[in-house]
Amino acid sequence: MKNRIVNLSPGPSPLSKHLWNDYLERIAIGSSHYDLVTQSHHSKRSREFISELKNKVAHSLGLSDSQQVCFLASSARESFCRIDGFMNMLSYQMTHHITGYWSRWACSNSQFKSNSYDKTCLHACLNETVDGVYSEPPSHSHLVVDATSMLFTKEVKKAAIIYASGQKIFSSPGFSIVIIDQELISQKETGRYSDQLGNYITNDSCNVTPPMHAMVLLDTFIDWLEFRGGADWLKQRTNYRAANIYDRLSASDALLVEPSVRSMTAITFDVGQRHDKWLAYFNGRKISGILGHKQKGGFRISNFPGLSEEDYEYLLDCLENVND
C-alpha cells in the first residue's frame, strides 16, 4: 500500500482500472473502435455505433419503448439549461422540487419564461451530492430528473426526462445522457425545433460533432457492467459498500445524514473539532478528494463504481482506525 493513492474525487471520478484498460485497447490504432475516434461522425460506421449505443443504454437501464436516448456534448448544468429551454418551447412551466444544493441551483438558473404556459413540469435532483441526501422521486405527470450521481446505481422510475453527465459514473466530463419520453418529442413536428436539445434529438445526437471518445468510454462501461451482472449488480454493490462505510463512520461518532435520506454514492459527514486531525490522518494515508464541497464543508466520500475493491477495503481500514 506504500505507493497507493485512493482517489475519492466526486468528479471527474476515477474509472475502474479494468475498464480503463479495455477503453485504451478499443481506441488503439488498428482496434475495432479506432475509426470511430478518427473519422467523421457522419460516416455509416459512426451512425451505426451511435444507434447501437442507444440500444445498449436502453437495455441496461430497462427503459420502455417510449423512452428515447440522446447523447449531448455538455455538462449536467448545460444539459439542464437545454432541457429548460426545450420545455419552455413546449409551453411547460418549470417548477422545482428543492432538496439540496443542485436543485436550488436549477431553480435559480431556470431562465426561459413564457407568457402562454398551459402545462407544468417538475424538476428534481434525486441524489444531492453536496448535501449527501437522496429523495424518492415526487409524483408528477411530467417529471424532469437530474440523475447525474446515481444513474446505473439506482433505479430511476419513468419520467418525462432523465439526464446525467458522465463524469461521476459512466464516462467523462463534458458528456451527458438525456432520456426523453416520446410524448414530448411528438409535440413538435420534426425539423421545427428552435432549441439545441431539439436539434440533438432530430439529428441523432449529432447536432455538433459528438464527443466520440466519451461515447466509446460509455460503451466500454456498459460492457464492463453487463459482464458483472448489470445495473442490479451495481446497485447491490453500491448499497453494500455504502452501508459498511456508514457503519465505520457511525462507530467513530461522525455526524451523519439522517438514515432515511442518506445518499448511497455521496456520503457526507462532519467531525466538528476533530476536522483538522482527521484531515491530517487522511492525507497521511494518501486518501485524496475527501473534503466536502466548498459550500458545505466537512468531508465527503464518493462511492462511485470506479472505486476499486482494493481501495474500498483500504478505505474501510482507514475509517476503522482513524481515532487511534
Protein backbone atom coordinates (compact mmCIF):
# COMPACT_ATOMS: atom_id res chain seq x y z
CA MET A 1 0.00 0.00 0.00
CA LYS A 2 3.07 2.27 0.18
CA ASN A 3 2.53 3.96 -3.19
CA ARG A 4 -1.27 3.75 -3.25
CA ILE A 5 -3.28 6.95 -3.59
CA VAL A 6 -7.01 6.44 -3.04
CA ASN A 7 -8.89 8.96 -5.18
CA LEU A 8 -12.36 9.79 -3.83
CA SER A 9 -12.91 12.71 -6.17
CA PRO A 10 -16.61 13.49 -6.75
CA GLY A 11 -15.98 14.33 -10.39
CA PRO A 12 -14.20 13.60 -12.54
CA SER A 13 -14.28 10.41 -10.51
CA PRO A 14 -11.81 7.58 -11.09
CA LEU A 15 -12.60 4.79 -13.51
CA SER A 16 -12.15 1.12 -12.85
CA LYS A 17 -8.63 0.12 -13.92
CA HIS A 18 -10.02 -2.82 -15.86
CA LEU A 19 -12.50 -0.55 -17.62
CA TRP A 20 -9.79 2.00 -18.39
CA ASN A 21 -7.50 -0.65 -19.87
CA ASP A 22 -10.36 -2.01 -22.01
CA TYR A 23 -11.08 1.50 -23.25
CA LEU A 24 -7.45 2.13 -24.19
CA GLU A 25 -7.39 -1.12 -26.12
CA ARG A 26 -10.54 -0.15 -28.03
CA ILE A 27 -9.16 3.17 -29.26
CA ALA A 28 -5.66 1.89 -30.06
CA ILE A 29 -4.51 2.05 -33.68
CA GLY A 30 -5.86 -0.95 -35.55
CA SER A 31 -8.54 -1.71 -32.97
CA SER A 32 -12.23 -2.18 -33.79
CA HIS A 33 -13.13 1.26 -32.41
CA TYR A 34 -10.15 3.27 -33.71
CA ASP A 35 -12.10 4.50 -36.74
CA LEU A 36 -14.84 5.93 -34.50
CA VAL A 37 -12.49 8.45 -32.90
CA THR A 38 -10.64 9.36 -36.11
CA GLN A 39 -13.35 9.55 -38.79
CA SER A 40 -16.39 11.71 -39.48
CA HIS A 41 -19.42 11.25 -37.26
CA HIS A 42 -21.46 11.35 -40.47
CA SER A 43 -19.98 8.03 -41.61
CA LYS A 44 -22.15 4.93 -41.78
CA ARG A 45 -19.96 3.24 -39.17
CA SER A 46 -20.36 6.12 -36.69
CA ARG A 47 -24.13 6.33 -37.15
CA GLU A 48 -24.46 2.58 -36.62
CA PHE A 49 -22.34 2.80 -33.47
CA ILE A 50 -24.49 5.63 -32.04
CA SER A 51 -27.66 3.67 -32.73
CA GLU A 52 -26.21 0.53 -31.13
CA LEU A 53 -25.04 2.51 -28.10
CA LYS A 54 -28.50 3.96 -27.58
CA ASN A 55 -29.94 0.45 -27.59
CA LYS A 56 -27.32 -0.75 -25.10
CA VAL A 57 -28.10 2.11 -22.71
CA ALA A 58 -31.84 1.44 -23.01
CA HIS A 59 -31.35 -2.27 -22.34
CA SER A 60 -29.02 -1.73 -19.40
CA LEU A 61 -31.42 0.73 -17.73
CA GLY A 62 -34.55 -1.25 -18.61
CA LEU A 63 -36.13 1.65 -20.48
CA SER A 64 -39.52 1.38 -22.15
CA ASP A 65 -40.10 1.70 -25.88
CA SER A 66 -41.47 5.21 -25.32
CA GLN A 67 -38.17 6.47 -23.88
CA GLN A 68 -35.60 7.74 -26.36
CA VAL A 69 -31.88 8.02 -25.54
CA CYS A 70 -29.94 11.06 -26.68
CA PHE A 71 -26.24 11.94 -26.21
CA LEU A 72 -25.18 15.53 -25.60
CA ALA A 73 -21.81 17.25 -25.65
CA SER A 74 -22.46 19.05 -22.36
CA SER A 75 -22.19 19.02 -18.58
CA ALA A 76 -25.20 18.36 -16.36
CA ARG A 77 -25.71 22.09 -15.86
CA GLU A 78 -25.56 22.76 -19.58
CA SER A 79 -27.96 19.87 -20.17
CA PHE A 80 -30.38 21.36 -17.65
CA CYS A 81 -30.31 24.71 -19.48
CA ARG A 82 -31.10 22.96 -22.77
CA ILE A 83 -33.91 20.99 -21.17
CA ASP A 84 -35.22 24.18 -19.55
CA GLY A 85 -35.39 25.85 -22.96
CA PHE A 86 -36.90 22.78 -24.61
CA MET A 87 -39.72 22.52 -22.08
CA ASN A 88 -40.35 26.25 -22.31
CA MET A 89 -40.68 25.92 -26.08
CA LEU A 90 -43.34 23.25 -25.49
CA SER A 91 -45.14 25.72 -23.15
CA TYR A 92 -44.29 23.86 -19.95
CA GLN A 93 -43.68 25.91 -16.83
CA MET A 94 -40.64 24.54 -15.00
CA THR A 95 -41.34 24.13 -11.28
CA HIS A 96 -38.82 22.79 -8.78
CA HIS A 97 -38.64 20.20 -6.00
CA ILE A 98 -35.94 21.60 -3.69
CA THR A 99 -33.91 19.01 -1.77
CA GLY A 100 -30.39 20.46 -1.71
CA TYR A 101 -27.66 22.42 -3.45
CA TRP A 102 -28.16 21.28 -7.06
CA SER A 103 -31.94 21.52 -7.06
CA ARG A 104 -31.62 25.07 -5.68
CA TRP A 105 -29.10 25.83 -8.43
CA ALA A 106 -31.54 24.61 -11.09
CA CYS A 107 -34.35 26.69 -9.61
CA SER A 108 -32.25 29.87 -9.60
CA ASN A 109 -30.95 29.25 -13.14
CA SER A 110 -34.22 28.44 -14.88
CA GLN A 111 -34.09 31.31 -17.38
CA PHE A 112 -36.70 30.67 -20.02
CA LYS A 113 -40.07 32.28 -19.44
CA SER A 114 -43.24 32.13 -21.47
CA ASN A 115 -46.48 34.04 -21.33
CA SER A 116 -48.52 31.11 -22.54
CA TYR A 117 -47.97 28.28 -20.08
CA ASP A 118 -50.71 25.67 -20.21
CA LYS A 119 -48.74 22.78 -18.62
CA THR A 120 -46.20 22.31 -15.85
CA CYS A 121 -43.17 20.07 -15.37
CA LEU A 122 -41.34 19.41 -12.12
CA HIS A 123 -37.54 19.31 -11.88
CA ALA A 124 -35.91 17.20 -9.18
CA CYS A 125 -32.33 16.26 -8.31
CA LEU A 126 -32.90 12.95 -6.56
CA ASN A 127 -29.35 12.45 -5.29
CA GLU A 128 -27.82 15.63 -3.86
CA THR A 129 -24.05 15.10 -3.80
CA VAL A 130 -23.22 18.29 -1.89
CA ASP A 131 -25.70 17.56 0.91
CA GLY A 132 -25.38 13.76 0.81
CA VAL A 133 -29.12 13.16 0.64
CA TYR A 134 -31.36 11.03 -1.55
CA SER A 135 -35.09 11.55 -2.03
CA GLU A 136 -37.60 9.38 -3.81
CA PRO A 137 -38.99 10.97 -6.99
CA PRO A 138 -42.04 13.13 -6.33
CA SER A 139 -45.27 12.26 -8.09
CA HIS A 140 -45.77 14.36 -11.21
CA SER A 141 -47.02 13.61 -14.70
CA HIS A 142 -44.08 15.44 -16.30
CA LEU A 143 -41.07 14.86 -14.05
CA VAL A 144 -37.59 16.04 -15.08
CA VAL A 145 -34.88 14.16 -13.15
CA ASP A 146 -31.21 15.01 -12.68
CA ALA A 147 -29.69 11.53 -12.16
CA THR A 148 -26.04 12.51 -12.61
CA SER A 149 -24.70 10.88 -9.44
CA MET A 150 -26.92 7.79 -9.44
CA LEU A 151 -27.60 6.58 -12.99
CA PHE A 152 -26.85 2.84 -13.32
CA THR A 153 -26.50 2.56 -9.50
CA LYS A 154 -30.15 3.07 -8.58
CA GLU A 155 -33.36 2.51 -10.49
CA VAL A 156 -34.92 5.69 -11.84
CA LYS A 157 -38.64 5.37 -12.32
CA LYS A 158 -40.11 6.51 -15.61
CA ALA A 159 -40.01 10.28 -16.03
CA ALA A 160 -40.61 12.72 -18.86
CA ILE A 161 -36.88 13.47 -18.98
CA ILE A 162 -33.91 11.88 -17.17
CA TYR A 163 -30.46 13.38 -17.62
CA ALA A 164 -26.99 12.68 -16.25
CA SER A 165 -23.47 13.81 -17.03
CA GLY A 166 -20.83 11.14 -17.40
CA GLN A 167 -18.04 12.36 -15.13
CA LYS A 168 -19.11 10.52 -11.96
CA ILE A 169 -20.19 7.05 -13.05
CA PHE A 170 -20.17 6.05 -16.70
CA SER A 171 -17.91 8.25 -18.83
CA SER A 172 -16.00 11.55 -18.84
CA PRO A 173 -16.73 15.27 -18.25
CA GLY A 174 -18.49 17.28 -20.96
CA PHE A 175 -20.75 14.41 -21.98
CA SER A 176 -24.33 13.66 -20.94
CA ILE A 177 -27.09 11.15 -21.48
CA VAL A 178 -30.61 12.52 -21.86
CA ILE A 179 -33.56 10.14 -21.82
CA ILE A 180 -36.74 11.75 -23.10
CA ASP A 181 -40.28 10.47 -23.41
CA GLN A 182 -41.56 10.13 -26.95
CA GLU A 183 -44.68 12.07 -25.95
CA LEU A 184 -42.62 15.25 -25.62
CA ILE A 185 -40.82 14.69 -28.90
CA SER A 186 -44.09 14.20 -30.77
CA GLN A 187 -45.45 17.53 -29.58
CA LYS A 188 -43.43 19.32 -32.25
CA GLU A 189 -43.05 18.42 -35.90
CA THR A 190 -39.67 17.09 -36.98
CA GLY A 191 -37.41 19.91 -38.07
CA ARG A 192 -39.42 22.57 -36.25
CA TYR A 193 -37.27 22.74 -33.13
CA SER A 194 -35.66 26.07 -32.32
CA ASP A 195 -33.57 24.92 -29.36
CA GLN A 196 -30.38 22.86 -29.03
CA LEU A 197 -31.91 19.84 -27.30
CA GLY A 198 -34.50 19.51 -30.06
CA ASN A 199 -31.74 19.69 -32.64
CA TYR A 200 -29.84 16.89 -30.89
CA ILE A 201 -32.98 14.77 -31.00
CA THR A 202 -33.70 15.32 -34.68
CA ASN A 203 -30.03 14.96 -35.71
CA ASP A 204 -29.44 11.62 -33.97
CA SER A 205 -27.26 13.18 -31.22
CA CYS A 206 -25.07 14.87 -33.85
CA ASN A 207 -26.20 18.49 -33.58
CA VAL A 208 -22.47 19.21 -33.24
CA THR A 209 -19.52 16.86 -33.68
CA PRO A 210 -20.21 14.37 -30.87
CA PRO A 211 -17.65 13.54 -28.15
CA MET A 212 -16.89 10.12 -29.60
CA HIS A 213 -14.17 9.33 -27.07
CA ALA A 214 -16.73 9.77 -24.27
CA MET A 215 -19.22 7.62 -26.16
CA VAL A 216 -16.70 4.81 -26.66
CA LEU A 217 -15.95 5.06 -22.94
CA LEU A 218 -19.68 4.73 -22.20
CA ASP A 219 -19.84 1.69 -24.50
CA THR A 220 -16.91 0.18 -22.61
CA PHE A 221 -18.57 0.92 -19.26
CA ILE A 222 -21.80 -0.83 -20.28
CA ASP A 223 -19.91 -3.92 -21.45
CA TRP A 224 -17.94 -3.89 -18.16
CA LEU A 225 -21.21 -3.52 -16.23
CA GLU A 226 -23.14 -6.22 -18.08
CA PHE A 227 -20.26 -8.70 -17.69
CA ARG A 228 -20.53 -8.30 -13.92
CA GLY A 229 -24.30 -8.58 -13.67
CA GLY A 230 -25.76 -5.33 -14.95
CA ALA A 231 -27.33 -2.40 -13.16
CA ASP A 232 -28.86 -4.66 -10.48
CA TRP A 233 -25.39 -5.91 -9.55
CA LEU A 234 -24.02 -2.35 -9.38
CA LYS A 235 -26.95 -1.21 -7.24
CA GLN A 236 -26.34 -4.03 -4.76
CA ARG A 237 -22.60 -3.40 -4.64
CA THR A 238 -23.10 0.36 -4.17
CA ASN A 239 -25.58 -0.16 -1.32
CA TYR A 240 -23.37 -2.77 0.35
CA ARG A 241 -20.30 -0.56 0.27
CA ALA A 242 -22.24 2.48 1.47
CA ALA A 243 -23.70 0.56 4.41
CA ASN A 244 -20.22 -0.53 5.53
CA ILE A 245 -18.81 2.99 5.17
CA TYR A 246 -21.69 4.49 7.15
CA ASP A 247 -21.19 1.83 9.85
CA ARG A 248 -17.50 2.74 10.24
CA LEU A 249 -18.30 6.46 10.41
CA SER A 250 -21.09 5.90 12.92
CA ALA A 251 -18.74 3.92 15.15
CA SER A 252 -16.36 6.90 15.06
CA ASP A 253 -19.13 9.27 16.23
CA ALA A 254 -19.12 11.25 12.98
CA LEU A 255 -22.13 13.47 12.36
CA LEU A 256 -24.09 11.80 9.54
CA VAL A 257 -27.15 12.48 7.43
CA GLU A 258 -30.42 11.06 8.75
CA PRO A 259 -30.56 7.34 7.76
CA SER A 260 -33.87 7.64 5.90
CA VAL A 261 -32.44 10.10 3.36
CA ARG A 262 -28.81 9.03 3.07
CA SER A 263 -27.20 9.01 -0.36
CA MET A 264 -25.51 5.77 -1.36
CA THR A 265 -22.96 7.46 -3.63
CA ALA A 266 -22.24 10.77 -1.83
CA ILE A 267 -21.51 10.07 1.82
CA THR A 268 -21.14 13.38 3.67
CA PHE A 269 -20.08 13.70 7.31
CA ASP A 270 -18.66 16.13 9.85
CA VAL A 271 -16.45 15.54 12.85
CA GLY A 272 -16.52 19.01 14.40
CA GLN A 273 -13.32 19.95 16.25
CA ARG A 274 -11.62 16.77 15.05
CA HIS A 275 -11.68 18.01 11.44
CA ASP A 276 -8.00 19.02 11.21
CA LYS A 277 -6.85 15.81 12.90
CA TRP A 278 -8.92 13.67 10.55
CA LEU A 279 -7.74 15.61 7.52
CA ALA A 280 -4.10 15.14 8.50
CA TYR A 281 -4.79 11.43 9.01
CA PHE A 282 -6.41 11.05 5.58
CA ASN A 283 -3.59 12.97 3.93
CA GLY A 284 -1.04 10.78 5.68
CA ARG A 285 -2.83 7.68 4.44
CA LYS A 286 -2.81 9.03 0.85
CA ILE A 287 -6.58 9.47 0.59
CA SER A 288 -7.42 12.37 -1.73
CA GLY A 289 -10.65 14.10 -2.74
CA ILE A 290 -12.30 13.53 0.64
CA LEU A 291 -13.06 17.13 1.59
CA GLY A 292 -16.69 18.20 1.33
CA HIS A 293 -17.99 20.69 -1.20
CA LYS A 294 -16.86 24.26 -0.55
CA GLN A 295 -20.48 25.26 0.09
CA LYS A 296 -20.92 22.52 2.71
CA GLY A 297 -17.61 21.86 4.41
CA GLY A 298 -16.83 18.71 6.35
CA PHE A 299 -15.95 15.55 4.45
CA ARG A 300 -17.40 13.55 1.60
CA ILE A 301 -16.73 10.02 0.36
CA SER A 302 -17.70 9.44 -3.25
CA ASN A 303 -18.85 5.83 -3.54
CA PHE A 304 -18.80 5.51 -7.32
CA PRO A 305 -18.15 2.39 -9.45
CA GLY A 306 -14.54 3.34 -10.20
CA LEU A 307 -13.51 2.77 -6.57
CA SER A 308 -11.59 -0.50 -6.83
CA GLU A 309 -12.09 -3.36 -4.40
CA GLU A 310 -8.57 -2.86 -3.05
CA ASP A 311 -9.10 0.87 -2.49
CA TYR A 312 -12.50 0.24 -0.92
CA GLU A 313 -11.03 -2.26 1.57
CA TYR A 314 -8.17 0.15 2.31
CA LEU A 315 -10.68 2.96 2.93
CA LEU A 316 -12.63 0.80 5.39
CA ASP A 317 -9.40 0.02 7.24
CA CYS A 318 -8.58 3.73 7.45
CA LEU A 319 -12.04 4.56 8.80
CA GLU A 320 -11.71 1.73 11.34
CA ASN A 321 -8.51 3.20 12.77
CA VAL A 322 -8.97 6.96 12.30
CA ASN A 323 -9.35 7.63 16.05
CA ASP A 324 -6.39 5.51 17.18
